[in-house]
Amino acid sequence: MDTGFEADLITLVDDEGQEHEFEIIDELDNDDGHFMALVPTQQDPEEFSADAETYYIFEVIEEDGEEQLQEVEDDELLDKLADIFETRFNEAYYDEPEN
């Protein structure tokens, strides 16, 4: 049975030139910009750990006509975005519908 679900994956290259694959778990547009919440994909089931709940927030910017991701360096903005994303995660995955 084909469920039709495919993860939105993105590959990022770090400063040392190593590639890292992430899944886009949420996107947000607000007055501060366009942001993505990403989680690393698990290539090896034995690597699955408590860090599995870790996600990263990047800002989507346009540079030379192409979308680029950059780290959010403003701690206050990062905290604000983390609160928004976590509220959305909780509503989507943990809140039970009211009867």
PDB file of N, CA and C in Angstrom:
ATOM      1  N   MET A   1       0.839  -1.182   0.000  1.00  0.00           N
ATOM      2  CA  MET A   1       0.000   0.000   0.000  1.00  0.00           C
ATOM      3  C   MET A   1       0.884   1.245   0.000  1.00  0.00           C
ATOM      4  N   ASP A   2       0.664   2.144  -0.922  1.00  0.00           N
ATOM      5  CA  ASP A   2       1.422   3.376  -1.026  1.00  0.00           C
ATOM      6  C   ASP A   2       0.649   4.484  -0.321  1.00  0.00           C
ATOM      7  N   THR A   3       1.269   5.068   0.727  1.00  0.00           N
ATOM      8  CA  THR A   3       0.592   6.114   1.486  1.00  0.00           C
ATOM      9  C   THR A   3       0.745   7.482   0.834  1.00  0.00           C
ATOM     10  N   GLY A   4       1.675   7.606  -0.129  1.00  0.00           N
ATOM     11  CA  GLY A   4       1.869   8.874  -0.797  1.00  0.00           C
ATOM     12  C   GLY A   4       2.671   9.868   0.006  1.00  0.00           C
ATOM     13  N   PHE A   5       3.226   9.464   1.137  1.00  0.00           N
ATOM     14  CA  PHE A   5       3.999  10.366   1.984  1.00  0.00           C
ATOM     15  C   PHE A   5       5.479  10.266   1.643  1.00  0.00           C
ATOM     16  N   GLU A   6       6.080  11.401   1.382  1.00  0.00           N
ATOM     17  CA  GLU A   6       7.517  11.472   1.185  1.00  0.00           C
ATOM     18  C   GLU A   6       8.039  12.594   2.056  1.00  0.00           C
ATOM     19  N   ALA A   7       9.131  12.328   2.737  1.00  0.00           N
ATOM     20  CA  ALA A   7       9.738  13.347   3.580  1.00  0.00           C
ATOM     21  C   ALA A   7      10.372  14.415   2.698  1.00  0.00           C
ATOM     22  N   ASP A   8      10.320  15.664   3.157  1.00  0.00           N
ATOM     23  CA  ASP A   8      11.018  16.750   2.481  1.00  0.00           C
ATOM     24  C   ASP A   8      12.441  16.769   3.018  1.00  0.00           C
ATOM     25  N   LEU A   9      13.383  16.334   2.189  1.00  0.00           N
ATOM     26  CA  LEU A   9      14.772  16.243   2.609  1.00  0.00           C
ATOM     27  C   LEU A   9      15.603  17.343   1.973  1.00  0.00           C
ATOM     28  N   ILE A  10      16.626  17.763   2.704  1.00  0.00           N
ATOM     29  CA  ILE A  10      17.541  18.793   2.229  1.00  0.00           C
ATOM     30  C   ILE A  10      18.946  18.396   2.670  1.00  0.00           C
ATOM     31  N   THR A  11      19.925  18.641   1.836  1.00  0.00           N
ATOM     32  CA  THR A  11      21.316  18.344   2.182  1.00  0.00           C
ATOM     33  C   THR A  11      22.056  19.659   2.384  1.00  0.00           C
ATOM     34  N   LEU A  12      22.706  19.787   3.535  1.00  0.00           N
ATOM     35  CA  LEU A  12      23.497  20.971   3.850  1.00  0.00           C
ATOM     36  C   LEU A  12      24.967  20.581   3.891  1.00  0.00           C
ATOM     37  N   VAL A  13      25.824  21.504   3.487  1.00  0.00           N
ATOM     38  CA  VAL A  13      27.263  21.272   3.494  1.00  0.00           C
ATOM     39  C   VAL A  13      27.868  22.162   4.569  1.00  0.00           C
ATOM     40  N   ASP A  14      28.622  21.542   5.504  1.00  0.00           N
ATOM     41  CA  ASP A  14      29.210  22.321   6.594  1.00  0.00           C
ATOM     42  C   ASP A  14      30.512  22.993   6.139  1.00  0.00           C
ATOM     43  N   ASP A  15      31.157  23.711   7.060  1.00  0.00           N
ATOM     44  CA  ASP A  15      32.376  24.462   6.745  1.00  0.00           C
ATOM     45  C   ASP A  15      33.527  23.565   6.303  1.00  0.00           C
ATOM     46  N   GLU A  16      33.501  22.286   6.692  1.00  0.00           N
ATOM     47  CA  GLU A  16      34.550  21.344   6.305  1.00  0.00           C
ATOM     48  C   GLU A  16      34.211  20.612   5.002  1.00  0.00           C
ATOM     49  N   GLY A  17      33.076  20.964   4.392  1.00  0.00           N
ATOM     50  CA  GLY A  17      32.688  20.349   3.129  1.00  0.00           C
ATOM     51  C   GLY A  17      31.944  19.031   3.280  1.00  0.00           C
ATOM     52  N   GLN A  18      31.590  18.648   4.506  1.00  0.00           N
ATOM     53  CA  GLN A  18      30.846  17.403   4.719  1.00  0.00           C
ATOM     54  C   GLN A  18      29.359  17.658   4.536  1.00  0.00           C
ATOM     55  N   GLU A  19      28.700  16.698   3.870  1.00  0.00           N
ATOM     56  CA  GLU A  19      27.265  16.806   3.639  1.00  0.00           C
ATOM     57  C   GLU A  19      26.489  16.182   4.790  1.00  0.00           C
ATOM     58  N   HIS A  20      25.391  16.837   5.162  1.00  0.00           N
ATOM     59  CA  HIS A  20      24.506  16.357   6.215  1.00  0.00           C
ATOM     60  C   HIS A  20      23.083  16.441   5.689  1.00  0.00           C
ATOM     61  N   GLU A  21      22.328  15.344   5.833  1.00  0.00           N
ATOM     62  CA  GLU A  21      20.956  15.311   5.346  1.00  0.00           C
ATOM     63  C   GLU A  21      19.995  15.605   6.489  1.00  0.00           C
ATOM     64  N   PHE A  22      19.013  16.460   6.198  1.00  0.00           N
ATOM     65  CA  PHE A  22      18.009  16.855   7.170  1.00  0.00           C
ATOM     66  C   PHE A  22      16.626  16.688   6.570  1.00  0.00           C
ATOM     67  N   GLU A  23      15.651  16.499   7.449  1.00  0.00           N
ATOM     68  CA  GLU A  23      14.255  16.507   7.047  1.00  0.00           C
ATOM     69  C   GLU A  23      13.650  17.836   7.469  1.00  0.00           C
ATOM     70  N   ILE A  24      12.920  18.463   6.559  1.00  0.00           N
ATOM     71  CA  ILE A  24      12.218  19.709   6.873  1.00  0.00           C
ATOM     72  C   ILE A  24      10.932  19.317   7.600  1.00  0.00           C
ATOM     73  N   ILE A  25      10.824  19.680   8.876  1.00  0.00           N
ATOM     74  CA  ILE A  25       9.645  19.293   9.635  1.00  0.00           C
ATOM     75  C   ILE A  25       8.613  20.406   9.746  1.00  0.00           C
ATOM     76  N   ASP A  26       9.031  21.639   9.488  1.00  0.00           N
ATOM     77  CA  ASP A  26       8.069  22.744   9.527  1.00  0.00           C
ATOM     78  C   ASP A  26       8.707  23.964   8.881  1.00  0.00           C
ATOM     79  N   GLU A  27       7.857  24.843   8.373  1.00  0.00           N
ATOM     80  CA  GLU A  27       8.291  26.125   7.819  1.00  0.00           C
ATOM     81  C   GLU A  27       7.390  27.208   8.379  1.00  0.00           C
ATOM     82  N   LEU A  28       7.938  28.385   8.515  1.00  0.00           N
ATOM     83  CA  LEU A  28       7.219  29.489   9.124  1.00  0.00           C
ATOM     84  C   LEU A  28       7.562  30.789   8.406  1.00  0.00           C
ATOM     85  N   ASP A  29       6.545  31.521   8.027  1.00  0.00           N
ATOM     86  CA  ASP A  29       6.710  32.880   7.498  1.00  0.00           C
ATOM     87  C   ASP A  29       6.095  33.832   8.504  1.00  0.00           C
ATOM     88  N   ASN A  30       6.856  34.835   8.905  1.00  0.00           N
ATOM     89  CA  ASN A  30       6.301  35.875   9.767  1.00  0.00           C
ATOM     90  C   ASN A  30       6.995  37.200   9.457  1.00  0.00           C
ATOM     91  N   ASP A  31       6.762  38.204  10.264  1.00  0.00           N
ATOM     92  CA  ASP A  31       7.346  39.525  10.016  1.00  0.00           C
ATOM     93  C   ASP A  31       8.873  39.506  10.074  1.00  0.00           C
ATOM     94  N   ASP A  32       9.447  38.491  10.733  1.00  0.00           N
ATOM     95  CA  ASP A  32      10.902  38.401  10.864  1.00  0.00           C
ATOM     96  C   ASP A  32      11.558  37.713   9.672  1.00  0.00           C
ATOM     97  N   GLY A  33      10.775  37.009   8.840  1.00  0.00           N
ATOM     98  CA  GLY A  33      11.343  36.334   7.676  1.00  0.00           C
ATOM     99  C   GLY A  33      10.731  34.968   7.446  1.00  0.00           C
ATOM    100  N   HIS A  34      11.445  34.145   6.680  1.00  0.00           N
ATOM    101  CA  HIS A  34      11.025  32.779   6.364  1.00  0.00           C
ATOM    102  C   HIS A  34      12.013  31.838   7.051  1.00  0.00           C
ATOM    103  N   PHE A  35      11.480  30.877   7.811  1.00  0.00           N
ATOM    104  CA  PHE A  35      12.320  29.998   8.618  1.00  0.00           C
ATOM    105  C   PHE A  35      11.920  28.546   8.426  1.00  0.00           C
ATOM    106  N   MET A  36      12.905  27.651   8.604  1.00  0.00           N
ATOM    107  CA  MET A  36      12.673  26.210   8.521  1.00  0.00           C
ATOM    108  C   MET A  36      13.176  25.544   9.797  1.00  0.00           C
ATOM    109  N   ALA A  37      12.421  24.558  10.253  1.00  0.00           N
ATOM    110  CA  ALA A  37      12.860  23.699  11.344  1.00  0.00           C
ATOM    111  C   ALA A  37      13.288  22.375  10.711  1.00  0.00           C
ATOM    112  N   LEU A  38      14.514  21.948  10.994  1.00  0.00           N
ATOM    113  CA  LEU A  38      15.095  20.753  10.393  1.00  0.00           C
ATOM    114  C   LEU A  38      15.545  19.768  11.462  1.00  0.00           C
ATOM    115  N   VAL A  39      15.395  18.472  11.165  1.00  0.00           N
ATOM    116  CA  VAL A  39      15.952  17.425  12.028  1.00  0.00           C
ATOM    117  C   VAL A  39      16.892  16.581  11.180  1.00  0.00           C
ATOM    118  N   PRO A  40      18.006  16.154  11.783  1.00  0.00           N
ATOM    119  CA  PRO A  40      18.916  15.289  11.033  1.00  0.00           C
ATOM    120  C   PRO A  40      18.234  13.949  10.741  1.00  0.00           C
ATOM    121  N   THR A  41      18.470  13.416   9.557  1.00  0.00           N
ATOM    122  CA  THR A  41      17.939  12.088   9.249  1.00  0.00           C
ATOM    123  C   THR A  41      18.832  11.062   9.926  1.00  0.00           C
ATOM    124  N   GLN A  42      18.245   9.949  10.315  1.00  0.00           N
ATOM    125  CA  GLN A  42      18.997   8.887  10.971  1.00  0.00           C
ATOM    126  C   GLN A  42      19.348   7.831   9.935  1.00  0.00           C
ATOM    127  N   GLN A  43      20.613   7.732   9.591  1.00  0.00           N
ATOM    128  CA  GLN A  43      21.052   6.760   8.602  1.00  0.00           C
ATOM    129  C   GLN A  43      21.165   5.365   9.198  1.00  0.00           C
ATOM    130  N   ASP A  44      21.553   5.274  10.448  1.00  0.00           N
ATOM    131  CA  ASP A  44      21.791   3.999  11.114  1.00  0.00           C
ATOM    132  C   ASP A  44      20.904   3.933  12.351  1.00  0.00           C
ATOM    133  N   PRO A  45      20.021   2.934  12.455  1.00  0.00           N
ATOM    134  CA  PRO A  45      19.129   2.858  13.615  1.00  0.00           C
ATOM    135  C   PRO A  45      19.874   2.838  14.948  1.00  0.00           C
ATOM    136  N   GLU A  46      21.104   2.356  14.965  1.00  0.00           N
ATOM    137  CA  GLU A  46      21.867   2.322  16.209  1.00  0.00           C
ATOM    138  C   GLU A  46      22.310   3.716  16.649  1.00  0.00           C
ATOM    139  N   GLU A  47      22.286   4.675  15.725  1.00  0.00           N
ATOM    140  CA  GLU A  47      22.651   6.052  16.065  1.00  0.00           C
ATOM    141  C   GLU A  47      21.511   6.804  16.726  1.00  0.00           C
ATOM    142  N   PHE A  48      20.311   6.231  16.707  1.00  0.00           N
ATOM    143  CA  PHE A  48      19.142   6.877  17.302  1.00  0.00           C
ATOM    144  C   PHE A  48      19.383   7.043  18.790  1.00  0.00           C
ATOM    145  N   SER A  49      19.233   8.249  19.289  1.00  0.00           N
ATOM    146  CA  SER A  49      19.532   8.517  20.698  1.00  0.00           C
ATOM    147  C   SER A  49      18.588   9.573  21.232  1.00  0.00           C
ATOM    148  N   ALA A  50      18.874  10.015  22.432  1.00  0.00           N
ATOM    149  CA  ALA A  50      18.072  11.069  23.050  1.00  0.00           C
ATOM    150  C   ALA A  50      18.146  12.361  22.242  1.00  0.00           C
ATOM    151  N   ASP A  51      19.182  12.507  21.407  1.00  0.00           N
ATOM    152  CA  ASP A  51      19.315  13.696  20.578  1.00  0.00           C
ATOM    153  C   ASP A  51      18.282  13.742  19.460  1.00  0.00           C
ATOM    154  N   ALA A  52      17.477  12.686  19.324  1.00  0.00           N
ATOM    155  CA  ALA A  52      16.500  12.627  18.243  1.00  0.00           C
ATOM    156  C   ALA A  52      15.479  13.760  18.341  1.00  0.00           C
ATOM    157  N   GLU A  53      15.316  14.341  19.518  1.00  0.00           N
ATOM    158  CA  GLU A  53      14.369  15.443  19.673  1.00  0.00           C
ATOM    159  C   GLU A  53      14.992  16.788  19.309  1.00  0.00           C
ATOM    160  N   THR A  54      16.267  16.789  18.961  1.00  0.00           N
ATOM    161  CA  THR A  54      16.958  18.015  18.596  1.00  0.00           C
ATOM    162  C   THR A  54      16.566  18.431  17.185  1.00  0.00           C
ATOM    163  N   TYR A  55      16.270  19.704  17.029  1.00  0.00           N
ATOM    164  CA  TYR A  55      16.003  20.244  15.703  1.00  0.00           C
ATOM    165  C   TYR A  55      16.754  21.559  15.573  1.00  0.00           C
ATOM    166  N   TYR A  56      16.906  22.000  14.343  1.00  0.00           N
ATOM    167  CA  TYR A  56      17.658  23.205  14.053  1.00  0.00           C
ATOM    168  C   TYR A  56      16.759  24.175  13.303  1.00  0.00           C
ATOM    169  N   ILE A  57      16.937  25.455  13.599  1.00  0.00           N
ATOM    170  CA  ILE A  57      16.152  26.495  12.938  1.00  0.00           C
ATOM    171  C   ILE A  57      17.099  27.309  12.061  1.00  0.00           C
ATOM    172  N   PHE A  58      16.728  27.446  10.791  1.00  0.00           N
ATOM    173  CA  PHE A  58      17.498  28.232   9.845  1.00  0.00           C
ATOM    174  C   PHE A  58      16.590  29.265   9.194  1.00  0.00           C
ATOM    175  N   GLU A  59      17.175  30.407   8.841  1.00  0.00           N
ATOM    176  CA  GLU A  59      16.455  31.416   8.080  1.00  0.00           C
ATOM    177  C   GLU A  59      16.715  31.183   6.599  1.00  0.00           C
ATOM    178  N   VAL A  60      15.668  31.291   5.802  1.00  0.00           N
ATOM    179  CA  VAL A  60      15.793  31.163   4.351  1.00  0.00           C
ATOM    180  C   VAL A  60      16.002  32.569   3.801  1.00  0.00           C
ATOM    181  N   ILE A  61      17.133  32.753   3.123  1.00  0.00           N
ATOM    182  CA  ILE A  61      17.431  34.048   2.512  1.00  0.00           C
ATOM    183  C   ILE A  61      17.671  33.841   1.021  1.00  0.00           C
ATOM    184  N   GLU A  62      17.568  34.915   0.270  1.00  0.00           N
ATOM    185  CA  GLU A  62      17.872  34.832  -1.155  1.00  0.00           C
ATOM    186  C   GLU A  62      19.214  35.498  -1.399  1.00  0.00           C
ATOM    187  N   GLU A  63      20.098  34.754  -2.055  1.00  0.00           N
ATOM    188  CA  GLU A  63      21.416  35.273  -2.372  1.00  0.00           C
ATOM    189  C   GLU A  63      21.730  34.928  -3.821  1.00  0.00           C
ATOM    190  N   ASP A  64      22.008  35.927  -4.612  1.00  0.00           N
ATOM    191  CA  ASP A  64      22.282  35.747  -6.052  1.00  0.00           C
ATOM    192  C   ASP A  64      21.163  34.975  -6.743  1.00  0.00           C
ATOM    193  N   GLY A  65      19.914  35.249  -6.352  1.00  0.00           N
ATOM    194  CA  GLY A  65      18.764  34.629  -6.990  1.00  0.00           C
ATOM    195  C   GLY A  65      18.482  33.204  -6.535  1.00  0.00           C
ATOM    196  N   GLU A  66      19.233  32.695  -5.563  1.00  0.00           N
ATOM    197  CA  GLU A  66      19.019  31.338  -5.056  1.00  0.00           C
ATOM    198  C   GLU A  66      18.706  31.372  -3.568  1.00  0.00           C
ATOM    199  N   GLU A  67      17.833  30.439  -3.139  1.00  0.00           N
ATOM    200  CA  GLU A  67      17.544  30.334  -1.718  1.00  0.00           C
ATOM    201  C   GLU A  67      18.725  29.700  -1.002  1.00  0.00           C
ATOM    202  N   GLN A  68      19.097  30.304   0.116  1.00  0.00           N
ATOM    203  CA  GLN A  68      20.180  29.807   0.963  1.00  0.00           C
ATOM    204  C   GLN A  68      19.653  29.724   2.391  1.00  0.00           C
ATOM    205  N   LEU A  69      20.243  28.857   3.194  1.00  0.00           N
ATOM    206  CA  LEU A  69      19.900  28.789   4.613  1.00  0.00           C
ATOM    207  C   LEU A  69      21.031  29.395   5.410  1.00  0.00           C
ATOM    208  N   GLN A  70      20.668  30.172   6.417  1.00  0.00           N
ATOM    209  CA  GLN A  70      21.673  30.719   7.313  1.00  0.00           C
ATOM    210  C   GLN A  70      21.213  30.549   8.745  1.00  0.00           C
ATOM    211  N   GLU A  71      22.193  30.448   9.632  1.00  0.00           N
ATOM    212  CA  GLU A  71      21.882  30.300  11.045  1.00  0.00           C
ATOM    213  C   GLU A  71      21.232  31.574  11.573  1.00  0.00           C
ATOM    214  N   VAL A  72      20.349  31.400  12.542  1.00  0.00           N
ATOM    215  CA  VAL A  72      19.731  32.543  13.217  1.00  0.00           C
ATOM    216  C   VAL A  72      20.667  32.903  14.370  1.00  0.00           C
ATOM    217  N   GLU A  73      21.286  34.074  14.286  1.00  0.00           N
ATOM    218  CA  GLU A  73      22.288  34.464  15.277  1.00  0.00           C
ATOM    219  C   GLU A  73      21.726  35.307  16.413  1.00  0.00           C
ATOM    220  N   ASP A  74      20.545  35.861  16.235  1.00  0.00           N
ATOM    221  CA  ASP A  74      19.897  36.676  17.262  1.00  0.00           C
ATOM    222  C   ASP A  74      19.230  35.733  18.258  1.00  0.00           C
ATOM    223  N   ASP A  75      19.772  35.654  19.482  1.00  0.00           N
ATOM    224  CA  ASP A  75      19.261  34.717  20.492  1.00  0.00           C
ATOM    225  C   ASP A  75      17.805  34.984  20.851  1.00  0.00           C
ATOM    226  N   GLU A  76      17.415  36.251  20.915  1.00  0.00           N
ATOM    227  CA  GLU A  76      16.027  36.587  21.252  1.00  0.00           C
ATOM    228  C   GLU A  76      15.078  36.092  20.155  1.00  0.00           C
ATOM    229  N   LEU A  77      15.454  36.310  18.902  1.00  0.00           N
ATOM    230  CA  LEU A  77      14.651  35.832  17.776  1.00  0.00           C
ATOM    231  C   LEU A  77      14.622  34.305  17.758  1.00  0.00           C
ATOM    232  N   LEU A  78      15.756  33.671  18.020  1.00  0.00           N
ATOM    233  CA  LEU A  78      15.813  32.206  18.031  1.00  0.00           C
ATOM    234  C   LEU A  78      14.895  31.629  19.100  1.00  0.00           C
ATOM    235  N   ASP A  79      14.885  32.237  20.286  1.00  0.00           N
ATOM    236  CA  ASP A  79      13.987  31.788  21.357  1.00  0.00           C
ATOM    237  C   ASP A  79      12.525  31.961  20.949  1.00  0.00           C
ATOM    238  N   LYS A  80      12.216  33.088  20.322  1.00  0.00           N
ATOM    239  CA  LYS A  80      10.847  33.351  19.857  1.00  0.00           C
ATOM    240  C   LYS A  80      10.426  32.295  18.829  1.00  0.00           C
ATOM    241  N   LEU A  81      11.296  32.002  17.875  1.00  0.00           N
ATOM    242  CA  LEU A  81      10.992  31.009  16.847  1.00  0.00           C
ATOM    243  C   LEU A  81      10.855  29.615  17.450  1.00  0.00           C
ATOM    244  N   ALA A  82      11.732  29.275  18.388  1.00  0.00           N
ATOM    245  CA  ALA A  82      11.655  27.961  19.041  1.00  0.00           C
ATOM    246  C   ALA A  82      10.315  27.802  19.755  1.00  0.00           C
ATOM    247  N   ASP A  83       9.849  28.843  20.428  1.00  0.00           N
ATOM    248  CA  ASP A  83       8.540  28.790  21.103  1.00  0.00           C
ATOM    249  C   ASP A  83       7.414  28.540  20.094  1.00  0.00           C
ATOM    250  N   ILE A  84       7.477  29.250  18.959  1.00  0.00           N
ATOM    251  CA  ILE A  84       6.445  29.084  17.934  1.00  0.00           C
ATOM    252  C   ILE A  84       6.475  27.667  17.367  1.00  0.00           C
ATOM    253  N   PHE A  85       7.667  27.192  16.973  1.00  0.00           N
ATOM    254  CA  PHE A  85       7.768  25.848  16.404  1.00  0.00           C
ATOM    255  C   PHE A  85       7.337  24.779  17.404  1.00  0.00           C
ATOM    256  N   GLU A  86       7.759  24.900  18.654  1.00  0.00           N
ATOM    257  CA  GLU A  86       7.407  23.891  19.651  1.00  0.00           C
ATOM    258  C   GLU A  86       5.912  23.874  19.927  1.00  0.00           C
ATOM    259  N   THR A  87       5.280  25.036  19.939  1.00  0.00           N
ATOM    260  CA  THR A  87       3.822  25.094  20.104  1.00  0.00           C
ATOM    261  C   THR A  87       3.144  24.385  18.937  1.00  0.00           C
ATOM    262  N   ARG A  88       3.633  24.639  17.733  1.00  0.00           N
ATOM    263  CA  ARG A  88       3.058  23.994  16.546  1.00  0.00           C
ATOM    264  C   ARG A  88       3.279  22.484  16.578  1.00  0.00           C
ATOM    265  N   PHE A  89       4.477  22.035  17.000  1.00  0.00           N
ATOM    266  CA  PHE A  89       4.751  20.595  17.098  1.00  0.00           C
ATOM    267  C   PHE A  89       3.796  19.951  18.084  1.00  0.00           C
ATOM    268  N   ASN A  90       3.656  20.595  19.256  1.00  0.00           N
ATOM    269  CA  ASN A  90       2.784  20.034  20.291  1.00  0.00           C
ATOM    270  C   ASN A  90       1.336  19.961  19.825  1.00  0.00           C
ATOM    271  N   GLU A  91       0.860  20.999  19.145  1.00  0.00           N
ATOM    272  CA  GLU A  91      -0.509  20.983  18.642  1.00  0.00           C
ATOM    273  C   GLU A  91      -0.710  19.892  17.599  1.00  0.00           C
ATOM    274  N   ALA A  92       0.293  19.691  16.767  1.00  0.00           N
ATOM    275  CA  ALA A  92       0.168  18.703  15.674  1.00  0.00           C
ATOM    276  C   ALA A  92       0.323  17.272  16.148  1.00  0.00           C
ATOM    277  N   TYR A  93       1.153  17.041  17.148  1.00  0.00           N
ATOM    278  CA  TYR A  93       1.491  15.660  17.492  1.00  0.00           C
ATOM    279  C   TYR A  93       1.047  15.206  18.869  1.00  0.00           C
ATOM    280  N   TYR A  94       0.831  16.135  19.795  1.00  0.00           N
ATOM    281  CA  TYR A  94       0.561  15.697  21.163  1.00  0.00           C
ATOM    282  C   TYR A  94      -0.794  16.080  21.714  1.00  0.00           C
ATOM    283  N   ASP A  95      -1.360  17.139  21.213  1.00  0.00           N
ATOM    284  CA  ASP A  95      -2.675  17.548  21.730  1.00  0.00           C
ATOM    285  C   ASP A  95      -3.737  16.606  21.217  1.00  0.00           C
ATOM    286  N   GLU A  96      -4.604  16.171  22.136  1.00  0.00           N
ATOM    287  CA  GLU A  96      -5.700  15.288  21.754  1.00  0.00           C
ATOM    288  C   GLU A  96      -6.914  16.150  21.421  1.00  0.00           C
ATOM    289  N   PRO A  97      -7.649  15.760  20.394  1.00  0.00           N
ATOM    290  CA  PRO A  97      -8.850  16.543  20.058  1.00  0.00           C
ATOM    291  C   PRO A  97      -9.877  16.514  21.175  1.00  0.00           C
ATOM    292  N   GLU A  98     -10.528  17.649  21.358  1.00  0.00           N
ATOM    293  CA  GLU A  98     -11.556  17.714  22.384  1.00  0.00           C
ATOM    294  C   GLU A  98     -12.862  17.178  21.849  1.00  0.00           C
ATOM    295  N   ASN A  99     -13.602  16.466  22.681  1.00  0.00           N
ATOM    296  CA  ASN A  99     -14.893  15.908  22.270  1.00  0.00           C
ATOM    297  C   ASN A  99     -16.022  16.807  22.666  1.00  0.00           C
TER     298      ASN A  99
END
